[in-house]
Every structure is written in C-alpha cells, then in structure tokens.
C-alpha cells in the first residue's frame, strides 16, 4: 500500500515538474509566435480556441460560471495584453522571472483588498523580490524597459485577479473549467473588438504549432496535472514544485532563443525565485488563481 502511495506521489511530482517546464517554455513559444501575427490577433486565436474546446463545460452547473466569469475575464484580458506585449518587448527570461512576482504580491493585495494581513516572512520576501528585480533589470545601471514594466503590471494584475476570484466565487461551487471557458471567451471577444483591422490569418506552421502548444499543454494539460496532483499531495508541495517555472523559462530562453543573462541577471532571477519559494513555503495555502485557467495554484491560459 505504501509503495503504491509513494509511486502515485512521484507520478504527481513528475507531472508538476513537466507543467513547470511547459510554462517555462511558454514565454519563448509566445515570443516566436508573435513574429508572425500581432498581439491582439494572437490572443484572439489562442483564447478563441480555448473557449471552443471548453464550451461543453458551460452546460448544467457550468452556467454558474457566467456571472463571476465576465468581470474576471475583463481583468484577465488586461493581464494578457500586458503580459503578451511585455513578452514581445523584453527577453523571455526576464518575463519568466518578473511574472513570478505575482506570488509575492498576492498576499499584500489580500491585505489591501481582503483585510488579511500577510505573514511577517512575506516582508522579507518582498525585499528579496525588489532586490532581484533591481539586479535583473541592470542593477546600478538600471534600465527598466517598457516590456519589463508591462510584465510587472501583469504580475500586479494577476494578484488582483486572485483576490477578486476569491471574492466573487466565495461560497459557490463553480467548476474550474467552466470559469476558464467564460474568461477565455471574454478575452477572445475583447481582442477581436480591439483589433478590428487585423490582417489575414497567418499561414506559417510555426505560429499554429506554438498557439496549439499553449492551448493544449500550457492550459488544458496544466489544469489536469495540477488538479490530479492536489489529490495526491499538499498544496504547499505542489506550489514549491511549480516554483521552478522561472528557472526553466530562463534556461529554455537561453537554449532556444540564444538569450543570455549575465551574472547580475542570474543573481536577480534567483533572488526572485527564492522569494517566491519563501512565500509559498510559510505554511499557508496560496490563494487559488484562475488567471486564465481555473487551476488550483496558478496557471496560465
């Protein structure tokens, strides 16, 4: 019996590390896809496909996701506009580290919006994160470009989304996939409205490969893996395993896109990672985020 339980735990851990690897690669994949099509068109296709695949989830109990899903979808639209333009304007490795700041920002946003004071350890994590951002963006020669600023805005908005999700879904049994479907539909519709003069659909295989990869693996598989892992492990263990995402992002950006972080950049990125792990490991379960996916810990559509 113990052997079976241990085998299940290892399987869950392996799936989570695979998700972290997939998410880490998503920045480089998105950056490549954006070479073929504008941001608004890319997001409209990406989230439109997600909506179509999840549309059956809106039957029956899934209809309860409509009311909270519409405002949450608008926040999610703002997140992905900032995040995707940010990825296009900064390096994929910077994007991976900077977006992970949402984990550190979230408890402070809970303090502001939900009146839940963060653990004292989080103040140290916040200081570490700020030091990490300073090093990652140039240290003494600070050069925060527009892409970096947009990624920071996306991290802040993700923290807002966590708190807003908790408030709008409290006491309600709302299927995660149904909520994701509504949010994805709002994002796709918003991008179509904003991008009224989009060019013809791209024909390059690289664009469609990247987009389908993000929809099928970075969203649908990621949600399945996290939900399955939470049934076999603790939320803290799941979160700590997922904390390796920024490191995978930086490594993949280096191997695939040829991006190089100097010693100062790596020091900053590792400080941000340590702050994230510190935040996730203080003994409180992180608030669920459905920032594009309705996964229990954190995910992206």
Protein backbone atom coordinates (compact mmCIF):
# COMPACT_ATOMS: atom_id res chain seq x y z
CA UNK A 1 0.00 0.00 0.00
CA UNK A 2 2.81 2.39 0.95
CA UNK A 3 4.61 1.58 -2.29
CA UNK A 4 1.51 2.43 -4.30
CA UNK A 5 1.06 5.73 -2.47
CA UNK A 6 4.72 6.63 -2.96
CA UNK A 7 4.52 5.72 -6.65
CA UNK A 8 1.45 7.97 -7.00
CA UNK A 9 3.28 10.83 -5.28
CA UNK A 10 6.28 10.50 -7.60
CA UNK A 11 3.96 10.43 -10.61
CA UNK A 12 2.21 13.60 -9.38
CA UNK A 13 5.55 15.32 -8.77
CA UNK A 14 6.75 14.36 -12.23
CA UNK A 15 3.61 15.76 -13.83
CA UNK A 16 4.02 19.04 -11.93
CA UNK A 17 7.63 19.42 -12.98
CA UNK A 18 6.50 18.82 -16.56
CA UNK A 19 3.93 21.60 -16.16
CA UNK A 20 6.60 23.92 -14.76
CA UNK A 21 8.77 23.07 -17.78
CA UNK A 22 5.87 23.73 -20.17
CA UNK A 23 5.06 27.06 -18.52
CA UNK A 24 8.72 28.00 -18.56
CA UNK A 25 8.79 27.33 -22.30
CA UNK A 26 5.57 29.31 -22.91
CA UNK A 27 7.40 32.66 -22.91
CA UNK A 28 9.76 31.58 -25.68
CA UNK A 29 6.89 29.96 -27.62
CA UNK A 30 4.76 33.11 -27.41
CA UNK A 31 7.71 35.28 -28.41
CA UNK A 32 8.22 33.16 -31.53
CA UNK A 33 4.51 33.15 -32.43
CA UNK A 34 4.41 36.94 -32.19
CA UNK A 35 6.91 37.12 -35.06
CA UNK A 36 4.09 36.00 -37.38
CA UNK A 37 0.99 37.86 -36.10
CA UNK A 38 0.06 40.91 -33.99
CA UNK A 39 -0.58 40.60 -30.26
CA UNK A 40 -4.35 41.11 -30.46
CA UNK A 41 -4.76 38.56 -33.24
CA UNK A 42 -2.55 36.03 -31.47
CA UNK A 43 -4.55 36.36 -28.24
CA UNK A 44 -7.89 36.23 -30.07
CA UNK A 45 -6.92 32.94 -31.76
CA UNK A 46 -5.33 31.46 -28.65
CA UNK A 47 -8.24 32.18 -26.34
CA UNK A 48 -10.85 31.59 -29.02
CA UNK A 49 -9.57 28.05 -29.45
CA UNK A 50 -9.52 27.57 -25.67
CA UNK A 51 -13.13 28.79 -25.46
CA UNK A 52 -14.30 26.45 -28.22
CA UNK A 53 -12.63 23.44 -26.60
CA UNK A 54 -14.13 24.24 -23.19
CA UNK A 55 -17.58 25.31 -24.41
CA UNK A 56 -19.23 21.98 -23.40
CA UNK A 57 -18.26 22.79 -19.78
CA UNK A 58 -20.90 25.56 -19.69
CA UNK A 59 -23.78 23.13 -19.57
CA UNK A 60 -25.65 22.41 -16.34
CA UNK A 61 -23.73 23.52 -13.25
CA UNK A 62 -21.21 25.24 -15.50
CA UNK A 63 -23.68 28.06 -16.13
CA UNK A 64 -22.92 29.32 -12.65
CA UNK A 65 -19.55 30.48 -14.02
CA UNK A 66 -21.15 33.17 -16.21
CA UNK A 67 -21.74 35.78 -13.53
CA UNK A 68 -18.25 35.81 -11.93
CA UNK A 69 -16.54 34.87 -15.19
CA UNK A 70 -17.44 38.05 -17.06
CA UNK A 71 -15.70 40.57 -14.73
CA UNK A 72 -12.85 38.13 -14.10
CA UNK A 73 -12.46 37.76 -17.86
CA UNK A 74 -12.06 41.53 -18.24
CA UNK A 75 -9.26 41.53 -15.66
CA UNK A 76 -7.73 38.57 -17.43
CA UNK A 77 -7.89 40.48 -20.72
CA UNK A 78 -5.85 43.29 -19.15
CA UNK A 79 -3.37 40.74 -17.77
CA UNK A 80 -2.71 39.06 -21.09
CA UNK A 81 -2.50 42.33 -23.01
CA UNK A 82 0.23 43.48 -20.60
CA UNK A 83 1.90 40.08 -20.46
CA UNK A 84 1.95 39.36 -24.18
CA UNK A 85 3.14 42.82 -25.19
CA UNK A 86 5.65 42.55 -22.37
CA UNK A 87 6.99 39.24 -23.69
CA UNK A 88 7.33 40.82 -27.13
CA UNK A 89 9.26 43.84 -25.80
CA UNK A 90 11.56 42.19 -23.26
CA UNK A 91 13.52 38.95 -23.10
CA UNK A 92 11.70 35.68 -22.43
CA UNK A 93 13.93 35.04 -19.40
CA UNK A 94 13.12 38.45 -17.87
CA UNK A 95 9.42 37.80 -18.50
CA UNK A 96 9.56 34.42 -16.72
CA UNK A 97 11.18 35.86 -13.61
CA UNK A 98 9.13 39.07 -13.45
CA UNK A 99 5.71 37.43 -13.81
CA UNK A 100 6.54 35.12 -10.89
CA UNK A 101 6.42 38.19 -8.64
CA UNK A 102 2.64 37.77 -8.57
CA UNK A 103 3.14 35.09 -5.90
CA UNK A 104 4.88 37.61 -3.63
CA UNK A 105 2.48 40.46 -4.46
CA UNK A 106 -0.70 38.43 -3.86
CA UNK A 107 -0.56 38.35 -0.02
CA UNK A 108 -0.13 42.13 0.07
CA UNK A 109 -3.03 42.53 -2.32
CA UNK A 110 -5.08 40.30 0.02
CA UNK A 111 -4.12 42.66 2.86
CA UNK A 112 -5.31 45.65 0.84
CA UNK A 113 -8.50 44.19 -0.63
CA UNK A 114 -9.49 41.40 1.78
CA UNK A 115 -8.04 42.78 5.04
CA UNK A 116 -5.88 39.68 5.58
CA UNK A 117 -2.52 40.75 6.97
CA UNK A 118 0.39 38.80 5.46
CA UNK A 119 2.82 36.71 7.48
CA UNK A 120 5.90 38.65 8.66
CA UNK A 121 8.11 36.44 6.49
CA UNK A 122 6.49 37.97 3.43
CA UNK A 123 8.05 41.36 4.14
CA UNK A 124 11.49 39.75 3.83
CA UNK A 125 10.33 38.00 0.63
CA UNK A 126 9.17 41.35 -0.75
CA UNK A 127 12.56 42.93 -0.04
CA UNK A 128 14.30 40.00 -1.74
CA UNK A 129 12.00 40.36 -4.76
CA UNK A 130 12.69 44.08 -5.10
CA UNK A 131 16.43 43.41 -4.89
CA UNK A 132 16.03 40.69 -7.51
CA UNK A 133 14.14 42.98 -9.90
CA UNK A 134 16.81 45.66 -9.42
CA UNK A 135 19.59 43.21 -10.33
CA UNK A 136 17.62 41.61 -13.18
CA UNK A 137 17.00 45.00 -14.81
CA UNK A 138 20.56 46.29 -14.64
CA UNK A 139 21.48 46.95 -11.02
CA UNK A 140 23.43 50.20 -10.77
CA UNK A 141 22.78 50.76 -14.49
CA UNK A 142 19.04 50.24 -14.04
CA UNK A 143 17.30 50.06 -17.42
CA UNK A 144 13.66 49.07 -16.91
CA UNK A 145 12.30 48.94 -20.45
CA UNK A 146 8.63 49.03 -21.46
CA UNK A 147 8.46 45.24 -21.69
CA UNK A 148 9.75 44.84 -18.14
CA UNK A 149 7.24 47.43 -16.88
CA UNK A 150 4.39 45.61 -18.64
CA UNK A 151 5.41 42.30 -17.05
CA UNK A 152 5.40 43.95 -13.62
CA UNK A 153 1.93 45.34 -14.37
CA UNK A 154 0.80 41.84 -15.40
CA UNK A 155 2.15 40.39 -12.13
CA UNK A 156 0.25 43.04 -10.16
CA UNK A 157 -2.95 42.37 -12.12
CA UNK A 158 -2.60 38.62 -11.55
CA UNK A 159 -2.51 39.30 -7.81
CA UNK A 160 -5.66 41.41 -8.17
CA UNK A 161 -7.30 38.56 -10.09
CA UNK A 162 -6.54 36.09 -7.29
CA UNK A 163 -8.28 38.30 -4.70
CA UNK A 164 -11.18 39.14 -7.00
CA UNK A 165 -11.66 35.46 -7.80
CA UNK A 166 -11.82 34.61 -4.11
CA UNK A 167 -14.38 37.35 -3.52
CA UNK A 168 -16.64 36.50 -6.48
CA UNK A 169 -16.55 32.71 -6.06
CA UNK A 170 -16.69 32.51 -2.24
CA UNK A 171 -19.30 30.02 -1.09
CA UNK A 172 -20.15 28.92 -4.62
CA UNK A 173 -19.36 25.63 -6.29
CA UNK A 174 -18.19 26.82 -9.69
CA UNK A 175 -16.47 24.29 -11.99
CA UNK A 176 -12.96 25.48 -12.77
CA UNK A 177 -13.13 24.52 -16.43
CA UNK A 178 -16.41 26.38 -16.87
CA UNK A 179 -14.92 29.50 -15.32
CA UNK A 180 -11.94 29.18 -17.63
CA UNK A 181 -14.27 28.90 -20.63
CA UNK A 182 -16.07 32.14 -19.75
CA UNK A 183 -12.82 34.02 -19.09
CA UNK A 184 -11.31 32.76 -22.33
CA UNK A 185 -14.39 33.83 -24.28
CA UNK A 186 -14.21 37.34 -22.78
CA UNK A 187 -10.51 37.65 -23.66
CA UNK A 188 -11.05 36.42 -27.22
CA UNK A 189 -14.04 38.75 -27.78
CA UNK A 190 -12.16 41.71 -26.26
CA UNK A 191 -9.16 41.17 -28.53
CA UNK A 192 -11.39 40.87 -31.61
CA UNK A 193 -13.13 44.15 -30.72
CA UNK A 194 -9.84 45.93 -30.07
CA UNK A 195 -8.19 44.52 -33.20
CA UNK A 196 -10.85 45.44 -35.75
CA UNK A 197 -8.34 45.75 -38.61
CA UNK A 198 -6.34 42.58 -38.07
CA UNK A 199 -4.52 41.12 -41.09
CA UNK A 200 -5.42 37.78 -42.66
CA UNK A 201 -4.71 34.69 -40.60
CA UNK A 202 -1.07 33.59 -40.71
CA UNK A 203 -0.16 30.51 -42.70
CA UNK A 204 3.22 29.82 -41.09
CA UNK A 205 3.29 26.40 -39.36
CA UNK A 206 5.43 27.85 -36.56
CA UNK A 207 2.60 30.17 -35.48
CA UNK A 208 -0.04 27.43 -35.35
CA UNK A 209 2.28 24.95 -33.67
CA UNK A 210 3.07 27.48 -30.94
CA UNK A 211 -0.55 28.52 -30.45
CA UNK A 212 -1.84 24.94 -30.22
CA UNK A 213 1.00 24.08 -27.84
CA UNK A 214 -0.06 26.89 -25.50
CA UNK A 215 -3.75 25.93 -25.64
CA UNK A 216 -3.37 22.17 -25.27
CA UNK A 217 -0.39 21.94 -22.94
CA UNK A 218 0.06 25.25 -21.09
CA UNK A 219 -3.68 25.40 -20.30
CA UNK A 220 -5.58 22.11 -20.56
CA UNK A 221 -2.85 19.65 -19.57
CA UNK A 222 -1.62 22.03 -16.86
CA UNK A 223 -5.06 22.19 -15.25
CA UNK A 224 -5.45 18.41 -15.34
CA UNK A 225 -1.98 17.84 -13.84
CA UNK A 226 -2.47 20.33 -11.01
CA UNK A 227 -5.91 19.04 -10.07
CA UNK A 228 -4.63 15.45 -10.10
CA UNK A 229 -1.55 16.35 -8.06
CA UNK A 230 -3.59 18.16 -5.40
CA UNK A 231 -5.48 14.95 -4.84
CA UNK A 232 -2.23 13.15 -4.02
CA UNK A 233 -0.09 15.84 -2.38
CA UNK A 234 -0.30 19.02 -0.30
CA UNK A 235 -0.90 22.44 -1.82
CA UNK A 236 2.44 23.63 -0.40
CA UNK A 237 4.34 20.75 -2.06
CA UNK A 238 2.57 21.46 -5.34
CA UNK A 239 3.43 25.15 -5.11
CA UNK A 240 7.09 24.51 -4.31
CA UNK A 241 7.44 22.23 -7.32
CA UNK A 242 5.78 24.82 -9.56
CA UNK A 243 8.22 27.44 -8.28
CA UNK A 244 10.83 26.08 -10.68
CA UNK A 245 8.94 27.61 -13.64
CA UNK A 246 11.05 30.84 -13.92
CA UNK A 247 14.29 28.84 -13.89
CA UNK A 248 13.02 26.62 -16.72
CA UNK A 249 11.94 29.79 -18.56
CA UNK A 250 15.40 31.31 -18.37
CA UNK A 251 17.15 28.07 -19.40
CA UNK A 252 14.83 27.47 -22.37
CA UNK A 253 15.18 31.10 -23.50
CA UNK A 254 18.95 30.65 -23.45
CA UNK A 255 18.95 27.35 -25.35
CA UNK A 256 16.19 28.13 -27.87
CA UNK A 257 16.36 31.89 -28.40
CA UNK A 258 20.02 32.43 -27.58
CA UNK A 259 19.22 34.87 -24.76
CA UNK A 260 21.96 35.30 -22.19
CA UNK A 261 21.63 36.56 -18.64
CA UNK A 262 24.82 37.90 -17.11
CA UNK A 263 25.90 37.05 -13.54
CA UNK A 264 23.91 40.02 -12.21
CA UNK A 265 20.78 38.91 -14.08
CA UNK A 266 21.05 35.34 -12.79
CA UNK A 267 21.56 36.64 -9.25
CA UNK A 268 18.43 38.78 -9.58
CA UNK A 269 16.39 35.94 -11.05
CA UNK A 270 17.45 33.53 -8.31
CA UNK A 271 16.57 36.10 -5.65
CA UNK A 272 13.07 36.37 -7.14
CA UNK A 273 12.80 32.56 -7.16
CA UNK A 274 13.92 32.33 -3.54
CA UNK A 275 11.39 35.00 -2.55
CA UNK A 276 8.66 33.06 -4.37
CA UNK A 277 9.59 29.78 -2.68
CA UNK A 278 9.75 31.58 0.67
CA UNK A 279 6.25 32.94 0.09
CA UNK A 280 4.86 29.54 -0.88
CA UNK A 281 6.56 27.70 1.97
CA UNK A 282 5.48 29.66 5.05
CA UNK A 283 2.72 27.26 5.93
CA UNK A 284 -0.33 28.91 4.41
CA UNK A 285 -2.04 27.57 1.31
CA UNK A 286 -1.75 30.05 -1.52
CA UNK A 287 -5.00 31.53 -2.70
CA UNK A 288 -6.35 29.85 -5.80
CA UNK A 289 -5.87 31.68 -9.04
CA UNK A 290 -7.84 31.24 -12.19
CA UNK A 291 -5.73 33.61 -14.19
CA UNK A 292 -6.63 32.07 -17.46
CA UNK A 293 -7.28 28.62 -16.28
CA UNK A 294 -9.04 27.93 -13.03
CA UNK A 295 -6.22 25.72 -11.81
CA UNK A 296 -5.94 25.46 -8.03
CA UNK A 297 -2.50 27.03 -7.66
CA UNK A 298 -1.55 29.15 -10.60
CA UNK A 299 -1.74 28.60 -14.27
CA UNK A 300 -1.99 30.43 -17.49
CA UNK A 301 -4.19 30.05 -20.48
